Protein backbone atom coordinates (compact mmCIF):
# COMPACT_ATOMS: atom_id res chain seq x y z
CA MET A 1 -0.58 -37.57 11.86
CA ASP A 2 2.55 -34.64 11.72
CA GLN A 3 1.32 -31.21 11.05
CA PRO A 4 3.43 -28.88 9.34
CA GLU A 5 5.55 -26.40 11.42
CA GLN A 6 4.16 -22.99 11.82
CA SER A 7 6.33 -20.16 11.31
CA ASN A 8 6.43 -17.40 14.04
CA ALA A 9 7.96 -15.15 11.35
CA ASP A 10 5.84 -12.41 9.83
CA PRO A 11 4.91 -12.61 6.22
CA PRO A 12 6.69 -9.98 3.84
CA ALA A 13 5.29 -6.72 3.93
CA LEU A 14 3.48 -5.51 0.90
CA ARG A 15 4.44 -1.73 -0.12
CA ALA A 16 4.78 0.69 -3.24
CA SER A 17 7.81 0.80 -4.78
CA THR A 18 10.30 3.91 -3.77
CA ALA A 19 9.59 5.44 -7.16
CA LEU A 20 5.87 5.32 -6.45
CA GLN A 21 6.12 6.59 -3.04
CA ASN A 22 8.67 9.66 -4.32
CA ARG A 23 5.61 10.18 -6.71
CA PHE A 24 3.19 10.20 -4.15
CA ASP A 25 5.09 12.88 -1.92
CA MET A 26 5.48 14.99 -4.62
CA LEU A 27 1.67 14.80 -5.29
CA LEU A 28 0.88 15.43 -1.62
CA ASP A 29 2.98 18.36 -1.63
CA LYS A 30 0.94 19.66 -4.69
CA ARG A 31 -2.05 18.74 -3.54
CA LYS A 32 -1.60 20.70 0.03
CA ALA A 33 -0.21 23.84 -2.14
CA GLY A 34 -3.71 23.17 -4.08
CA THR A 35 -2.04 23.37 -7.69
CA LEU A 36 -2.58 19.68 -8.74
CA SER A 37 -4.09 19.13 -12.08
CA ALA A 38 -7.36 17.03 -12.59
CA GLU A 39 -5.05 14.03 -14.07
CA GLU A 40 -2.79 14.69 -10.91
CA MET A 41 -5.67 14.46 -8.74
CA HIS A 42 -6.78 11.24 -10.48
CA GLU A 43 -3.32 9.76 -9.66
CA TYR A 44 -3.03 10.76 -6.37
CA GLU A 45 -6.64 9.06 -5.76
CA ALA A 46 -5.27 6.07 -7.52
CA ILE A 47 -2.21 5.50 -5.23
CA CYS A 48 -4.55 6.24 -1.99
CA ASP A 49 -6.75 3.60 -3.06
CA LEU A 50 -3.28 1.34 -3.95
CA ASP A 51 -2.30 2.13 -0.31
CA LYS A 52 -5.64 1.18 1.22
CA ALA A 53 -5.46 -2.00 -0.76
CA LEU A 54 -1.92 -2.78 0.28
CA SER A 55 -2.78 -2.26 3.77
CA TRP A 56 -5.91 -4.55 3.94
CA LEU A 57 -3.27 -7.26 2.16
CA ASN A 58 -1.21 -6.83 4.81
CA ARG A 59 -3.41 -7.15 7.38
CA LEU A 60 -5.10 -10.10 5.92
CA ALA A 61 -1.46 -11.76 5.60
CA ARG A 62 -0.75 -11.12 9.32
CA SER A 63 -3.60 -12.47 10.64
CA GLY A 64 -3.46 -15.76 8.74
CA GLN A 65 -6.28 -15.76 6.88
CA SER A 66 -6.64 -16.31 3.27
CA CYS A 67 -8.62 -15.14 0.61
């Protein structure tokens, strides 16, 4: 029985949009300066959580595992 060909190409990487990355950079600068509002701190933490999730999904995709 023929097996489907395995692709050696890396799966496409999941990443935040340029706009989200720019927003994160601005929030990070404000965090370093100690000027984040409570709302901005929640937004910063949410973006950090998203980054962790995307990193995990990319590692999962590269390892060839499925959910």
